[in-house]
Amino acid sequence: MLQIKIIAVGKIKENFLKEGIKEYTKRLSAYIRLEINEVDDEPCPEKASPLGEEKTRTIEGEKLLKRISKDDYVILLDLRGQEISSAVFAEKLNRLALTGQSNIAFVIGGSLGTSQAVSDRADFRWSFSKLTFPHQLIRMVLLEQIYRACKINKGEPYHK
């Protein structure tokens, strides 16, 4: 059984997101072991300098890296990452499981993105779209895509 960790900057504040995450977490319990780790976001002034923003990314990055184990296959959600379809994602999860990579860590950075150290640790950088999404919303979208991949890999029906 896949052991999936989602490591994300920030806490979910909106109730509708909490409910969606709760629902997909429940659905996924039949397919995978899921752990969600939240790290505190680092306060950053609205009009921070590029150096101030980099400092924020570095501090958040250190917190994220502490939650990743050496055995984790790390998938970083990154605007500069590769775009793949749900079917290709399902095949990627299946291939990882078949090759013994059953510990997968998905990393979601904060509103400023992630540090270079986090990007360097990633085994795969994945972009959902060229669109920009709030990092809290992405957590629910990620859970839905993991659920969809599980359904695809089991040959079970799922809405398209």
N, C-alpha and C. Protein backbone atom coordinates (compact mmCIF):
# COMPACT_ATOMS: atom_id res chain seq x y z
N MET A 1 0.84 -1.18 0.00
CA MET A 1 0.00 0.00 0.00
C MET A 1 0.88 1.24 0.00
N LEU A 2 0.55 2.19 -0.85
CA LEU A 2 1.30 3.43 -0.90
C LEU A 2 1.15 4.20 0.41
N GLN A 3 2.26 4.80 0.82
CA GLN A 3 2.24 5.68 1.98
C GLN A 3 2.53 7.08 1.46
N ILE A 4 1.53 7.92 1.50
CA ILE A 4 1.65 9.25 0.93
C ILE A 4 1.61 10.29 2.04
N LYS A 5 2.58 11.20 1.96
CA LYS A 5 2.65 12.34 2.86
C LYS A 5 2.42 13.59 2.03
N ILE A 6 1.60 14.47 2.54
CA ILE A 6 1.49 15.79 1.96
C ILE A 6 2.09 16.74 2.98
N ILE A 7 3.11 17.45 2.55
CA ILE A 7 3.81 18.38 3.42
C ILE A 7 3.56 19.77 2.85
N ALA A 8 2.87 20.60 3.60
CA ALA A 8 2.43 21.88 3.06
C ALA A 8 2.69 23.03 4.03
N VAL A 9 2.99 24.17 3.44
CA VAL A 9 3.14 25.39 4.23
C VAL A 9 1.75 25.97 4.49
N GLY A 10 1.49 26.29 5.74
CA GLY A 10 0.25 26.97 6.11
C GLY A 10 -0.85 26.04 6.54
N LYS A 11 -1.77 26.61 7.27
CA LYS A 11 -2.93 25.89 7.76
C LYS A 11 -4.12 26.24 6.88
N ILE A 12 -5.02 25.28 6.74
CA ILE A 12 -6.25 25.52 5.98
C ILE A 12 -7.19 26.32 6.86
N LYS A 13 -7.66 27.45 6.36
CA LYS A 13 -8.52 28.32 7.15
C LYS A 13 -9.98 28.26 6.71
N GLU A 14 -10.23 28.10 5.43
CA GLU A 14 -11.60 28.15 4.90
C GLU A 14 -12.32 26.84 5.16
N ASN A 15 -13.54 26.93 5.68
CA ASN A 15 -14.31 25.72 6.01
C ASN A 15 -14.61 24.87 4.79
N PHE A 16 -14.89 25.49 3.64
CA PHE A 16 -15.20 24.68 2.46
C PHE A 16 -14.00 23.84 2.03
N LEU A 17 -12.79 24.36 2.21
CA LEU A 17 -11.59 23.58 1.90
C LEU A 17 -11.40 22.47 2.93
N LYS A 18 -11.62 22.79 4.20
CA LYS A 18 -11.50 21.76 5.25
C LYS A 18 -12.44 20.60 4.97
N GLU A 19 -13.67 20.92 4.57
CA GLU A 19 -14.66 19.86 4.28
C GLU A 19 -14.25 19.02 3.08
N GLY A 20 -13.76 19.67 2.02
CA GLY A 20 -13.31 18.94 0.84
C GLY A 20 -12.13 18.04 1.15
N ILE A 21 -11.18 18.55 1.91
CA ILE A 21 -10.00 17.77 2.30
C ILE A 21 -10.42 16.58 3.16
N LYS A 22 -11.34 16.82 4.07
CA LYS A 22 -11.86 15.75 4.93
C LYS A 22 -12.51 14.65 4.09
N GLU A 23 -13.31 15.05 3.10
CA GLU A 23 -14.00 14.08 2.24
C GLU A 23 -13.01 13.24 1.43
N TYR A 24 -12.03 13.88 0.80
CA TYR A 24 -11.07 13.11 0.02
C TYR A 24 -10.16 12.26 0.90
N THR A 25 -9.84 12.74 2.09
CA THR A 25 -9.06 11.94 3.03
C THR A 25 -9.81 10.66 3.38
N LYS A 26 -11.11 10.79 3.63
CA LYS A 26 -11.94 9.63 3.93
C LYS A 26 -11.97 8.66 2.75
N ARG A 27 -12.19 9.17 1.56
CA ARG A 27 -12.24 8.33 0.36
C ARG A 27 -10.92 7.60 0.13
N LEU A 28 -9.83 8.29 0.37
CA LEU A 28 -8.51 7.71 0.11
C LEU A 28 -8.12 6.62 1.10
N SER A 29 -8.76 6.58 2.25
CA SER A 29 -8.38 5.61 3.29
C SER A 29 -8.49 4.16 2.81
N ALA A 30 -9.29 3.90 1.79
CA ALA A 30 -9.42 2.55 1.25
C ALA A 30 -8.26 2.18 0.33
N TYR A 31 -7.47 3.16 -0.09
CA TYR A 31 -6.45 2.92 -1.10
C TYR A 31 -5.01 3.13 -0.63
N ILE A 32 -4.80 4.11 0.23
CA ILE A 32 -3.45 4.49 0.64
C ILE A 32 -3.42 4.82 2.13
N ARG A 33 -2.21 4.92 2.66
CA ARG A 33 -2.02 5.50 3.99
C ARG A 33 -1.64 6.95 3.75
N LEU A 34 -2.39 7.85 4.34
CA LEU A 34 -2.19 9.28 4.09
C LEU A 34 -1.84 10.00 5.38
N GLU A 35 -0.86 10.86 5.26
CA GLU A 35 -0.45 11.71 6.38
C GLU A 35 -0.33 13.12 5.84
N ILE A 36 -0.92 14.07 6.54
CA ILE A 36 -0.81 15.47 6.13
C ILE A 36 -0.05 16.22 7.20
N ASN A 37 1.06 16.84 6.78
CA ASN A 37 1.91 17.62 7.68
C ASN A 37 1.85 19.08 7.27
N GLU A 38 1.52 19.93 8.21
CA GLU A 38 1.51 21.36 7.96
C GLU A 38 2.67 22.00 8.70
N VAL A 39 3.35 22.89 8.01
CA VAL A 39 4.38 23.69 8.67
C VAL A 39 3.90 25.14 8.65
N ASP A 40 4.25 25.87 9.68
CA ASP A 40 3.83 27.27 9.77
C ASP A 40 4.44 28.09 8.64
N ASP A 41 3.61 28.99 8.10
CA ASP A 41 4.17 29.90 7.11
C ASP A 41 4.91 31.01 7.85
N GLU A 42 5.91 31.50 7.19
CA GLU A 42 6.77 32.53 7.77
C GLU A 42 6.20 33.90 7.43
N PRO A 43 5.98 34.76 8.42
CA PRO A 43 5.46 36.10 8.10
C PRO A 43 6.40 36.84 7.15
N CYS A 44 5.80 37.47 6.17
CA CYS A 44 6.58 38.24 5.20
C CYS A 44 5.80 39.51 4.87
N PRO A 45 6.42 40.68 4.98
CA PRO A 45 5.71 41.91 4.67
C PRO A 45 5.16 41.89 3.24
N GLU A 46 4.04 42.57 3.04
CA GLU A 46 3.38 42.61 1.73
C GLU A 46 4.33 43.08 0.63
N LYS A 47 5.13 44.08 0.93
CA LYS A 47 6.04 44.63 -0.08
C LYS A 47 7.49 44.32 0.31
N ALA A 48 7.76 43.06 0.54
CA ALA A 48 9.11 42.65 0.91
C ALA A 48 10.05 42.77 -0.28
N SER A 49 11.29 43.00 0.01
CA SER A 49 12.31 43.05 -1.04
C SER A 49 12.54 41.63 -1.55
N PRO A 50 13.16 41.49 -2.72
CA PRO A 50 13.49 40.15 -3.20
C PRO A 50 14.32 39.35 -2.18
N LEU A 51 15.19 40.04 -1.47
CA LEU A 51 16.00 39.38 -0.45
C LEU A 51 15.12 38.91 0.71
N GLY A 52 14.15 39.74 1.09
CA GLY A 52 13.23 39.36 2.16
C GLY A 52 12.37 38.17 1.75
N GLU A 53 11.92 38.15 0.50
CA GLU A 53 11.13 37.02 0.01
C GLU A 53 11.97 35.74 -0.01
N GLU A 54 13.23 35.87 -0.41
CA GLU A 54 14.11 34.69 -0.45
C GLU A 54 14.35 34.16 0.97
N LYS A 55 14.49 35.07 1.93
CA LYS A 55 14.68 34.66 3.32
C LYS A 55 13.44 33.87 3.79
N THR A 56 12.25 34.35 3.44
CA THR A 56 11.01 33.66 3.80
C THR A 56 10.98 32.26 3.19
N ARG A 57 11.31 32.17 1.89
CA ARG A 57 11.33 30.85 1.22
C ARG A 57 12.35 29.92 1.87
N THR A 58 13.48 30.46 2.26
CA THR A 58 14.53 29.64 2.88
C THR A 58 14.07 29.09 4.23
N ILE A 59 13.47 29.93 5.05
CA ILE A 59 13.00 29.48 6.37
C ILE A 59 11.90 28.43 6.21
N GLU A 60 10.92 28.71 5.32
CA GLU A 60 9.86 27.73 5.08
C GLU A 60 10.44 26.45 4.49
N GLY A 61 11.42 26.59 3.61
CA GLY A 61 12.06 25.43 3.01
C GLY A 61 12.73 24.53 4.03
N GLU A 62 13.39 25.13 5.02
CA GLU A 62 14.03 24.34 6.08
C GLU A 62 12.98 23.54 6.85
N LYS A 63 11.83 24.16 7.10
CA LYS A 63 10.75 23.47 7.82
C LYS A 63 10.22 22.30 6.98
N LEU A 64 10.06 22.52 5.67
CA LEU A 64 9.57 21.46 4.79
C LEU A 64 10.56 20.30 4.73
N LEU A 65 11.83 20.62 4.56
CA LEU A 65 12.86 19.58 4.42
C LEU A 65 12.97 18.70 5.66
N LYS A 66 12.69 19.28 6.83
CA LYS A 66 12.74 18.49 8.08
C LYS A 66 11.67 17.40 8.09
N ARG A 67 10.60 17.56 7.32
CA ARG A 67 9.50 16.60 7.30
C ARG A 67 9.67 15.52 6.23
N ILE A 68 10.69 15.66 5.41
CA ILE A 68 10.95 14.69 4.34
C ILE A 68 11.99 13.69 4.82
N SER A 69 11.69 12.41 4.67
CA SER A 69 12.69 11.40 5.06
C SER A 69 13.58 11.07 3.86
N LYS A 70 14.70 10.47 4.15
CA LYS A 70 15.65 10.15 3.07
C LYS A 70 15.09 9.14 2.09
N ASP A 71 14.12 8.33 2.52
CA ASP A 71 13.53 7.31 1.65
C ASP A 71 12.36 7.81 0.83
N ASP A 72 11.91 9.02 1.07
CA ASP A 72 10.75 9.55 0.35
C ASP A 72 11.09 9.88 -1.10
N TYR A 73 10.17 9.51 -1.98
CA TYR A 73 10.19 10.01 -3.35
C TYR A 73 9.42 11.33 -3.29
N VAL A 74 10.07 12.42 -3.65
CA VAL A 74 9.49 13.75 -3.44
C VAL A 74 8.95 14.31 -4.74
N ILE A 75 7.67 14.66 -4.69
CA ILE A 75 7.01 15.34 -5.80
C ILE A 75 6.67 16.74 -5.33
N LEU A 76 7.32 17.71 -5.95
CA LEU A 76 7.12 19.12 -5.59
C LEU A 76 6.09 19.73 -6.53
N LEU A 77 5.05 20.33 -5.97
CA LEU A 77 4.10 21.07 -6.78
C LEU A 77 4.73 22.42 -7.08
N ASP A 78 4.96 22.67 -8.37
CA ASP A 78 5.80 23.79 -8.78
C ASP A 78 5.27 24.35 -10.10
N LEU A 79 5.06 25.65 -10.17
CA LEU A 79 4.61 26.29 -11.41
C LEU A 79 5.54 26.00 -12.59
N ARG A 80 6.82 25.79 -12.31
CA ARG A 80 7.80 25.54 -13.36
C ARG A 80 7.97 24.04 -13.65
N GLY A 81 7.12 23.24 -13.00
CA GLY A 81 7.23 21.79 -13.18
C GLY A 81 6.59 21.31 -14.47
N GLN A 82 6.60 20.01 -14.64
CA GLN A 82 6.04 19.37 -15.83
C GLN A 82 4.53 19.20 -15.67
N GLU A 83 3.80 19.51 -16.71
CA GLU A 83 2.36 19.27 -16.72
C GLU A 83 2.12 17.86 -17.25
N ILE A 84 1.29 17.08 -16.52
CA ILE A 84 0.95 15.73 -16.95
C ILE A 84 -0.55 15.52 -16.77
N SER A 85 -1.09 14.57 -17.49
CA SER A 85 -2.51 14.26 -17.38
C SER A 85 -2.77 13.39 -16.15
N SER A 86 -4.03 13.26 -15.80
CA SER A 86 -4.41 12.40 -14.67
C SER A 86 -4.01 10.95 -14.95
N ALA A 87 -4.17 10.51 -16.19
CA ALA A 87 -3.80 9.12 -16.54
C ALA A 87 -2.30 8.90 -16.41
N VAL A 88 -1.51 9.87 -16.83
CA VAL A 88 -0.05 9.75 -16.70
C VAL A 88 0.34 9.78 -15.23
N PHE A 89 -0.32 10.62 -14.44
CA PHE A 89 -0.05 10.66 -13.01
C PHE A 89 -0.36 9.31 -12.35
N ALA A 90 -1.50 8.71 -12.72
CA ALA A 90 -1.88 7.41 -12.18
C ALA A 90 -0.82 6.38 -12.52
N GLU A 91 -0.33 6.40 -13.76
CA GLU A 91 0.71 5.46 -14.17
C GLU A 91 2.00 5.70 -13.39
N LYS A 92 2.32 6.96 -13.13
CA LYS A 92 3.53 7.29 -12.36
C LYS A 92 3.43 6.70 -10.95
N LEU A 93 2.27 6.88 -10.30
CA LEU A 93 2.09 6.30 -8.95
C LEU A 93 2.19 4.78 -9.00
N ASN A 94 1.59 4.18 -10.00
CA ASN A 94 1.62 2.74 -10.15
C ASN A 94 3.06 2.25 -10.35
N ARG A 95 3.80 2.93 -11.20
CA ARG A 95 5.20 2.56 -11.47
C ARG A 95 6.05 2.70 -10.21
N LEU A 96 5.83 3.77 -9.45
CA LEU A 96 6.58 3.95 -8.21
C LEU A 96 6.31 2.80 -7.25
N ALA A 97 5.04 2.43 -7.11
CA ALA A 97 4.67 1.33 -6.21
C ALA A 97 5.31 0.02 -6.67
N LEU A 98 5.30 -0.24 -7.97
CA LEU A 98 5.85 -1.49 -8.50
C LEU A 98 7.37 -1.57 -8.37
N THR A 99 8.03 -0.42 -8.31
CA THR A 99 9.49 -0.42 -8.18
C THR A 99 9.93 -0.25 -6.72
N GLY A 100 9.00 -0.37 -5.80
CA GLY A 100 9.34 -0.32 -4.38
C GLY A 100 9.42 1.07 -3.79
N GLN A 101 9.04 2.07 -4.54
CA GLN A 101 9.04 3.44 -4.02
C GLN A 101 7.66 3.73 -3.44
N SER A 102 7.34 3.13 -2.32
CA SER A 102 5.99 3.26 -1.78
C SER A 102 5.83 4.44 -0.83
N ASN A 103 6.91 5.13 -0.50
CA ASN A 103 6.84 6.32 0.34
C ASN A 103 6.98 7.55 -0.54
N ILE A 104 5.87 8.25 -0.69
CA ILE A 104 5.84 9.41 -1.58
C ILE A 104 5.47 10.64 -0.76
N ALA A 105 6.26 11.68 -0.92
CA ALA A 105 5.99 12.95 -0.24
C ALA A 105 5.68 14.01 -1.29
N PHE A 106 4.50 14.59 -1.18
CA PHE A 106 4.12 15.73 -2.02
C PHE A 106 4.39 16.98 -1.21
N VAL A 107 5.04 17.95 -1.83
CA VAL A 107 5.40 19.18 -1.13
C VAL A 107 4.68 20.36 -1.80
N ILE A 108 3.99 21.13 -0.96
CA ILE A 108 3.30 22.35 -1.40
C ILE A 108 3.91 23.52 -0.64
N GLY A 109 4.54 24.41 -1.36
CA GLY A 109 5.16 25.57 -0.75
C GLY A 109 4.15 26.62 -0.35
N GLY A 110 4.67 27.70 0.17
CA GLY A 110 3.82 28.82 0.58
C GLY A 110 3.50 29.74 -0.58
N SER A 111 2.97 30.89 -0.27
CA SER A 111 2.53 31.82 -1.31
C SER A 111 3.68 32.37 -2.14
N LEU A 112 4.89 32.28 -1.64
CA LEU A 112 6.05 32.76 -2.40
C LEU A 112 6.78 31.63 -3.13
N GLY A 113 6.26 30.41 -3.03
CA GLY A 113 6.93 29.27 -3.64
C GLY A 113 7.86 28.60 -2.65
N THR A 114 8.84 27.89 -3.17
CA THR A 114 9.77 27.16 -2.30
C THR A 114 11.20 27.59 -2.55
N SER A 115 12.05 27.23 -1.63
CA SER A 115 13.47 27.54 -1.75
C SER A 115 14.13 26.63 -2.79
N GLN A 116 15.30 27.02 -3.20
CA GLN A 116 16.07 26.21 -4.15
C GLN A 116 16.41 24.86 -3.52
N ALA A 117 16.65 24.83 -2.22
CA ALA A 117 16.99 23.56 -1.55
C ALA A 117 15.83 22.57 -1.65
N VAL A 118 14.60 23.04 -1.53
CA VAL A 118 13.44 22.15 -1.66
C VAL A 118 13.33 21.68 -3.11
N SER A 119 13.51 22.58 -4.04
CA SER A 119 13.46 22.21 -5.46
C SER A 119 14.53 21.19 -5.79
N ASP A 120 15.71 21.36 -5.23
CA ASP A 120 16.81 20.43 -5.48
C ASP A 120 16.52 19.04 -4.90
N ARG A 121 15.77 18.97 -3.81
CA ARG A 121 15.45 17.69 -3.18
C ARG A 121 14.37 16.92 -3.94
N ALA A 122 13.61 17.62 -4.76
CA ALA A 122 12.50 16.99 -5.48
C ALA A 122 13.00 15.97 -6.50
N ASP A 123 12.31 14.83 -6.55
CA ASP A 123 12.57 13.83 -7.58
C ASP A 123 11.76 14.15 -8.84
N PHE A 124 10.65 14.84 -8.66
CA PHE A 124 9.79 15.22 -9.77
C PHE A 124 9.12 16.53 -9.42
N ARG A 125 9.11 17.46 -10.36
CA ARG A 125 8.43 18.74 -10.17
C ARG A 125 7.20 18.75 -11.06
N TRP A 126 6.04 18.94 -10.44
CA TRP A 126 4.76 18.80 -11.12
C TRP A 126 4.00 20.12 -11.10
N SER A 127 3.54 20.55 -12.27
CA SER A 127 2.69 21.72 -12.37
C SER A 127 1.30 21.28 -12.78
N PHE A 128 0.30 21.71 -12.04
CA PHE A 128 -1.08 21.39 -12.39
C PHE A 128 -1.53 22.18 -13.61
N SER A 129 -0.92 23.36 -13.81
CA SER A 129 -1.41 24.24 -14.86
C SER A 129 -0.50 25.46 -14.91
N LYS A 130 -0.62 26.22 -15.97
CA LYS A 130 0.07 27.51 -16.03
C LYS A 130 -0.64 28.56 -15.16
N LEU A 131 -1.88 28.22 -14.75
CA LEU A 131 -2.62 29.11 -13.86
C LEU A 131 -1.99 29.11 -12.47
N THR A 132 -2.19 30.19 -11.75
CA THR A 132 -1.74 30.27 -10.37
C THR A 132 -2.92 29.98 -9.46
N PHE A 133 -2.72 29.08 -8.50
CA PHE A 133 -3.76 28.72 -7.55
C PHE A 133 -3.30 29.08 -6.14
N PRO A 134 -4.24 29.40 -5.24
CA PRO A 134 -3.85 29.57 -3.84
C PRO A 134 -3.29 28.24 -3.31
N HIS A 135 -2.21 28.31 -2.56
CA HIS A 135 -1.58 27.07 -2.10
C HIS A 135 -2.50 26.25 -1.21
N GLN A 136 -3.47 26.87 -0.55
CA GLN A 136 -4.40 26.10 0.27
C GLN A 136 -5.38 25.31 -0.60
N LEU A 137 -5.83 25.90 -1.69
CA LEU A 137 -6.74 25.21 -2.61
C LEU A 137 -6.05 24.03 -3.28
N ILE A 138 -4.78 24.19 -3.58
CA ILE A 138 -4.03 23.13 -4.25
C ILE A 138 -4.02 21.85 -3.43
N ARG A 139 -4.04 21.96 -2.12
CA ARG A 139 -4.04 20.76 -1.28
C ARG A 139 -5.26 19.89 -1.58
N MET A 140 -6.43 20.51 -1.72
CA MET A 140 -7.64 19.74 -2.01
C MET A 140 -7.58 19.19 -3.44
N VAL A 141 -7.10 19.99 -4.38
CA VAL A 141 -6.98 19.53 -5.76
C VAL A 141 -6.01 18.35 -5.83
N LEU A 142 -4.92 18.42 -5.11
CA LEU A 142 -3.97 17.30 -5.07
C LEU A 142 -4.62 16.04 -4.54
N LEU A 143 -5.36 16.15 -3.44
CA LEU A 143 -6.05 14.98 -2.89
C LEU A 143 -7.03 14.38 -3.90
N GLU A 144 -7.74 15.24 -4.63
CA GLU A 144 -8.66 14.74 -5.65
C GLU A 144 -7.90 13.99 -6.73
N GLN A 145 -6.75 14.50 -7.15
CA GLN A 145 -5.98 13.84 -8.20
C GLN A 145 -5.38 12.52 -7.71
N ILE A 146 -4.98 12.45 -6.46
CA ILE A 146 -4.49 11.19 -5.90
C ILE A 146 -5.64 10.18 -5.87
N TYR A 147 -6.80 10.62 -5.45
CA TYR A 147 -7.99 9.75 -5.42
C TYR A 147 -8.33 9.28 -6.83
N ARG A 148 -8.32 10.18 -7.79
CA ARG A 148 -8.60 9.82 -9.18
C ARG A 148 -7.58 8.78 -9.67
N ALA A 149 -6.31 8.97 -9.34
CA ALA A 149 -5.27 8.03 -9.75
C ALA A 149 -5.50 6.64 -9.13
N CYS A 150 -5.90 6.62 -7.88
CA CYS A 150 -6.19 5.33 -7.22
C CYS A 150 -7.34 4.62 -7.94
N LYS A 151 -8.38 5.37 -8.27
CA LYS A 151 -9.52 4.78 -8.97
C LYS A 151 -9.11 4.27 -10.35
N ILE A 152 -8.31 5.03 -11.08
CA ILE A 152 -7.81 4.62 -12.40
C ILE A 152 -7.01 3.34 -12.26
N ASN A 153 -6.09 3.31 -11.30
CA ASN A 153 -5.21 2.15 -11.15
C ASN A 153 -5.94 0.88 -10.71
N LYS A 154 -7.08 1.04 -10.05
CA LYS A 154 -7.89 -0.11 -9.65
C LYS A 154 -8.92 -0.48 -10.72
N GLY A 155 -8.97 0.31 -11.80
CA GLY A 155 -9.94 0.05 -12.85
C GLY A 155 -11.38 0.34 -12.44
N GLU A 156 -11.51 1.21 -11.46
CA GLU A 156 -12.84 1.55 -10.94
C GLU A 156 -13.37 2.80 -11.64
N PRO A 157 -14.68 2.90 -11.81
CA PRO A 157 -15.24 4.08 -12.48
C PRO A 157 -15.07 5.35 -11.64
N TYR A 158 -14.90 6.44 -12.34
CA TYR A 158 -14.80 7.74 -11.70
C TYR A 158 -15.26 8.77 -12.72
N HIS A 159 -15.93 9.78 -12.29
CA HIS A 159 -16.44 10.76 -13.25
C HIS A 159 -15.28 11.43 -14.01
N LYS A 160 -15.57 11.80 -15.23
CA LYS A 160 -14.53 12.43 -16.07
C LYS A 160 -14.74 13.91 -16.20
